[in-house]
C-alpha atoms as a PDB file:
ATOM      1  CA  MET A   1     135.228  64.328  79.662  1.00  0.00           C
ATOM      2  CA  LYS A   2     138.992  63.532  81.219  1.00  0.00           C
ATOM      3  CA  GLU A   3     140.832  66.222  82.853  1.00  0.00           C
ATOM      4  CA  ASP A   4     144.203  66.617  80.560  1.00  0.00           C
ATOM      5  CA  HIS A   5     146.883  65.926  83.413  1.00  0.00           C
ATOM      6  CA  TYR A   6     149.708  67.404  81.299  1.00  0.00           C
ATOM      7  CA  HIS A   7     148.078  71.081  80.511  1.00  0.00           C
ATOM      8  CA  HIS A   8     150.552  73.709  80.099  1.00  0.00           C
ATOM      9  CA  ARG A   9     150.593  76.517  82.474  1.00  0.00           C
ATOM     10  CA  GLU A  10     148.571  79.528  80.726  1.00  0.00           C
ATOM     11  CA  ASP A  11     149.907  81.590  83.577  1.00  0.00           C
ATOM     12  CA  ASP A  12     151.353  84.872  81.792  1.00  0.00           C
ATOM     13  CA  ASN A  13     153.988  85.063  84.733  1.00  0.00           C
ATOM     14  CA  PHE A  14     155.209  81.542  84.658  1.00  0.00           C
ATOM     15  CA  GLN A  15     159.084  80.981  84.159  1.00  0.00           C
ATOM     16  CA  ARG A  16     160.908  77.679  84.008  1.00  0.00           C
ATOM     17  CA  ASP A  17     163.778  77.338  85.870  1.00  0.00           C
ATOM     18  CA  PRO A  18     166.531  77.752  83.005  1.00  0.00           C
ATOM     19  CA  LEU A  19     169.197  75.898  85.273  1.00  0.00           C
ATOM     20  CA  GLY A  20     166.671  73.465  86.844  1.00  0.00           C
ATOM     21  CA  ILE A  21     167.497  69.685  85.700  1.00  0.00           C
ATOM     22  CA  ILE A  22     164.704  67.220  86.863  1.00  0.00           C
ATOM     23  CA  TYR A  23     165.556  63.656  87.416  1.00  0.00           C
ATOM     24  CA  SER A  24     162.358  61.331  87.751  1.00  0.00           C
ATOM     25  CA  SER A  25     162.747  56.963  88.270  1.00  0.00           C
ATOM     26  CA  HIS A  26     164.171  54.878  90.381  1.00  0.00           C
ATOM     27  CA  PRO A  27     167.721  55.705  91.765  1.00  0.00           C
ATOM     28  CA  SER A  28     169.401  52.896  89.629  1.00  0.00           C
ATOM     29  CA  LYS A  29     168.066  54.320  86.495  1.00  0.00           C
ATOM     30  CA  GLY A  30     170.997  56.970  86.217  1.00  0.00           C
ATOM     31  CA  LEU A  31     170.952  58.805  89.336  1.00  0.00           C
ATOM     32  CA  ASP A  32     174.508  58.628  90.482  1.00  0.00           C
ATOM     33  CA  PRO A  33     175.816  59.672  86.778  1.00  0.00           C
ATOM     34  CA  SER A  34     173.025  62.768  87.100  1.00  0.00           C
ATOM     35  CA  ILE A  35     174.883  63.957  90.845  1.00  0.00           C
ATOM     36  CA  LYS A  36     178.065  63.484  89.075  1.00  0.00           C
ATOM     37  CA  ILE A  37     177.101  66.111  86.554  1.00  0.00           C
ATOM     38  CA  LEU A  38     175.449  68.345  88.832  1.00  0.00           C
ATOM     39  CA  ASN A  39     178.970  68.268  90.947  1.00  0.00           C
ATOM     40  CA  ILE A  40     181.093  69.283  88.474  1.00  0.00           C
ATOM     41  CA  LEU A  41     178.387  72.020  87.509  1.00  0.00           C
ATOM     42  CA  ASN A  42     178.562  73.255  91.158  1.00  0.00           C
ATOM     43  CA  LYS A  43     182.451  73.526  90.621  1.00  0.00           C
ATOM     44  CA  LEU A  44     182.216  75.448  87.539  1.00  0.00           C
ATOM     45  CA  GLU A  45     180.062  77.689  89.598  1.00  0.00           C
ATOM     46  CA  MET A  46     176.852  77.853  87.075  1.00  0.00           C
ATOM     47  CA  GLY A  47     173.847  77.887  89.446  1.00  0.00           C
ATOM     48  CA  PHE A  48     172.126  74.515  88.219  1.00  0.00           C
ATOM     49  CA  SER A  49     170.097  72.496  90.589  1.00  0.00           C
ATOM     50  CA  LEU A  50     168.953  68.638  90.513  1.00  0.00           C
ATOM     51  CA  HIS A  51     165.640  67.737  91.476  1.00  0.00           C
ATOM     52  CA  VAL A  52     165.095  64.158  92.221  1.00  0.00           C
ATOM     53  CA  TYR A  53     161.531  62.737  92.211  1.00  0.00           C
ATOM     54  CA  GLY A  54     161.371  58.938  92.693  1.00  0.00           C
ATOM     55  CA  GLY A  55     162.983  57.041  94.878  1.00  0.00           C
ATOM     56  CA  TYR A  56     163.907  53.362  96.140  1.00  0.00           C
ATOM     57  CA  SER A  57     160.063  52.780  96.949  1.00  0.00           C
ATOM     58  CA  LEU A  58     159.191  53.642  93.743  1.00  0.00           C
ATOM     59  CA  TRP A  59     159.464  49.517  93.607  1.00  0.00           C
ATOM     60  CA  GLY A  60     158.672  48.698  96.926  1.00  0.00           C
ATOM     61  CA  GLU A  61     161.822  49.148  98.644  1.00  0.00           C
ATOM     62  CA  GLU A  62     163.006  50.874 101.755  1.00  0.00           C
ATOM     63  CA  GLU A  63     163.565  54.038 100.967  1.00  0.00           C
ATOM     64  CA  LYS A  64     167.802  54.807 101.303  1.00  0.00           C
ATOM     65  CA  ALA A  65     169.410  58.247 102.075  1.00  0.00           C
ATOM     66  CA  LEU A  66     170.801  60.421  99.449  1.00  0.00           C
ATOM     67  CA  VAL A  67     174.220  61.891  99.419  1.00  0.00           C
ATOM     68  CA  SER A  68     174.116  65.489 100.365  1.00  0.00           C
ATOM     69  CA  VAL A  69     175.241  67.618  97.419  1.00  0.00           C
ATOM     70  CA  PRO A  70     174.876  71.660  97.025  1.00  0.00           C
ATOM     71  CA  ASN A  71     171.735  72.259  94.752  1.00  0.00           C
ATOM     72  CA  LEU A  72     170.212  68.755  94.996  1.00  0.00           C
ATOM     73  CA  THR A  73     166.886  68.522  96.220  1.00  0.00           C
ATOM     74  CA  TYR A  74     165.001  65.338  96.983  1.00  0.00           C
ATOM     75  CA  HIS A  75     161.497  65.394  96.363  1.00  0.00           C
ATOM     76  CA  GLY A  76     160.813  62.117  96.610  1.00  0.00           C
ATOM     77  CA  LEU A  77     157.873  59.327  95.203  1.00  0.00           C
ATOM     78  CA  ILE A  78     154.346  61.676  94.660  1.00  0.00           C
ATOM     79  CA  GLY A  79     151.818  61.118  92.393  1.00  0.00           C
ATOM     80  CA  GLN A  80     151.901  61.063  88.784  1.00  0.00           C
ATOM     81  CA  ARG A  81     149.541  64.143  88.251  1.00  0.00           C
ATOM     82  CA  GLU A  82     151.707  66.292  90.838  1.00  0.00           C
ATOM     83  CA  LEU A  83     154.741  64.711  88.699  1.00  0.00           C
ATOM     84  CA  ALA A  84     153.271  65.965  85.310  1.00  0.00           C
ATOM     85  CA  HIS A  85     152.839  69.894  86.990  1.00  0.00           C
ATOM     86  CA  GLU A  86     156.280  70.052  88.768  1.00  0.00           C
ATOM     87  CA  MET A  87     158.212  69.031  85.641  1.00  0.00           C
ATOM     88  CA  GLU A  88     157.212  72.235  83.731  1.00  0.00           C
ATOM     89  CA  LYS A  89     159.126  73.972  86.180  1.00  0.00           C
ATOM     90  CA  PHE A  90     162.445  72.698  84.973  1.00  0.00           C
ATOM     91  CA  SER A  91     164.430  73.213  81.671  1.00  0.00           C
ATOM     92  CA  TYR A  92     166.170  69.931  81.359  1.00  0.00           C
ATOM     93  CA  ALA A  93     165.451  66.139  82.168  1.00  0.00           C
ATOM     94  CA  LEU A  94     168.464  63.810  82.800  1.00  0.00           C
ATOM     95  CA  ASN A  95     168.120  60.093  81.907  1.00  0.00           C
ATOM     96  CA  ILE A  96     171.839  59.124  81.804  1.00  0.00           C
ATOM     97  CA  GLN A  97     171.897  55.436  81.855  1.00  0.00           C
ATOM     98  CA  ASP A  98     173.605  52.214  80.650  1.00  0.00           C
ATOM     99  CA  ARG A  99     170.612  49.836  81.298  1.00  0.00           C
ATOM    100  CA  GLU A 100     168.886  48.628  78.296  1.00  0.00           C
ATOM    101  CA  GLU A 101     165.335  50.362  78.561  1.00  0.00           C
ATOM    102  CA  PRO A 102     162.499  48.425  76.412  1.00  0.00           C
ATOM    103  CA  PHE A 103     160.295  52.012  76.826  1.00  0.00           C
ATOM    104  CA  GLY A 104     161.043  54.954  78.414  1.00  0.00           C
ATOM    105  CA  ILE A 105     158.130  56.673  80.381  1.00  0.00           C
ATOM    106  CA  SER A 106     160.207  59.443  81.878  1.00  0.00           C
ATOM    107  CA  LEU A 107     161.386  60.618  78.839  1.00  0.00           C
ATOM    108  CA  ILE A 108     157.887  60.530  77.200  1.00  0.00           C
ATOM    109  CA  GLU A 109     156.610  62.790  80.228  1.00  0.00           C
ATOM    110  CA  ALA A 110     159.848  64.832  80.151  1.00  0.00           C
ATOM    111  CA  LEU A 111     158.899  65.914  76.488  1.00  0.00           C
ATOM    112  CA  ARG A 112     155.555  66.478  77.018  1.00  0.00           C
ATOM    113  CA  ALA A 113     156.371  68.898  80.187  1.00  0.00           C
ATOM    114  CA  GLY A 114     158.460  71.063  77.600  1.00  0.00           C
ATOM    115  CA  CYS A 115     161.859  69.945  79.132  1.00  0.00           C
ATOM    116  CA  ILE A 116     165.345  69.687  77.013  1.00  0.00           C
ATOM    117  CA  VAL A 117     165.740  65.698  77.376  1.00  0.00           C
ATOM    118  CA  LEU A 118     169.464  64.358  77.520  1.00  0.00           C
ATOM    119  CA  ALA A 119     169.115  60.529  77.712  1.00  0.00           C
ATOM    120  CA  SER A 120     171.891  57.943  76.769  1.00  0.00           C
ATOM    121  CA  SER A 121     171.829  56.538  73.443  1.00  0.00           C
ATOM    122  CA  VAL A 122     170.624  53.013  74.830  1.00  0.00           C
ATOM    123  CA  GLY A 123     167.625  50.589  74.620  1.00  0.00           C
ATOM    124  CA  ALA A 124     164.641  52.137  73.328  1.00  0.00           C
ATOM    125  CA  PHE A 125     165.915  56.080  74.204  1.00  0.00           C
ATOM    126  CA  PRO A 126     166.751  56.442  70.478  1.00  0.00           C
ATOM    127  CA  GLU A 127     163.833  55.552  68.967  1.00  0.00           C
ATOM    128  CA  ILE A 128     162.101  58.300  71.056  1.00  0.00           C
ATOM    129  CA  ILE A 129     164.574  60.902  71.190  1.00  0.00           C
ATOM    130  CA  GLN A 130     165.659  62.655  67.525  1.00  0.00           C
ATOM    131  CA  ASN A 131     168.816  63.667  68.574  1.00  0.00           C
ATOM    132  CA  GLY A 132     169.280  67.591  67.947  1.00  0.00           C
ATOM    133  CA  HIS A 133     165.423  68.030  67.309  1.00  0.00           C
ATOM    134  CA  ASN A 134     163.140  66.425  70.406  1.00  0.00           C
ATOM    135  CA  GLY A 135     165.954  66.284  72.826  1.00  0.00           C
ATOM    136  CA  PHE A 136     170.059  65.076  73.109  1.00  0.00           C
ATOM    137  CA  LEU A 137     171.268  61.751  72.948  1.00  0.00           C
ATOM    138  CA  VAL A 138     174.484  61.527  74.889  1.00  0.00           C
ATOM    139  CA  SER A 139     177.056  58.888  75.292  1.00  0.00           C
ATOM    140  CA  GLY A 140     177.536  59.500  79.119  1.00  0.00           C
ATOM    141  CA  ARG A 141     178.366  62.011  81.665  1.00  0.00           C
ATOM    142  CA  SER A 142     181.147  64.150  79.862  1.00  0.00           C
ATOM    143  CA  SER A 143     178.840  64.409  76.731  1.00  0.00           C
ATOM    144  CA  ALA A 144     175.670  65.188  78.976  1.00  0.00           C
ATOM    145  CA  LEU A 145     177.900  67.948  80.718  1.00  0.00           C
ATOM    146  CA  ARG A 146     178.986  69.554  77.763  1.00  0.00           C
ATOM    147  CA  ARG A 147     175.533  69.366  76.006  1.00  0.00           C
ATOM    148  CA  ILE A 148     174.150  71.049  78.944  1.00  0.00           C
ATOM    149  CA  TYR A 149     177.013  73.656  79.029  1.00  0.00           C
ATOM    150  CA  SER A 150     176.875  74.500  75.651  1.00  0.00           C
ATOM    151  CA  LEU A 151     172.960  75.135  76.072  1.00  0.00           C
ATOM    152  CA  ALA A 152     172.948  77.080  79.241  1.00  0.00           C
END
């Protein structure tokens, strides 16, 4: 029998970070808008944090330094099992991009981990996210920011 890599924590003491946001992908798939959203949330002093998993090495490129922003933590590239468990720590997952994706594995992973997914309404994302049911489709940074603010 295969081990379930996406089992949910059964520890009664486990709690998600209610202000934790995860970004898990290559930086070209929407990291800049995610960091800009964090910058605005920082100015509003709401206590949100953004945790970035993945990086340029995901596609065999040399890693590049990320900007230094308060409440931004770069975790780098980790294995899928570990990422599945890490995702369970966060309340929100951001997938804000303008790239037409034919599929969104990071969306599926975040949904499976129980994150509230905020995704651009491009490519296959509207086929995966049923707006208001299993996540939220947003039209960009401002829309995502308003949605996060309304949910916090």
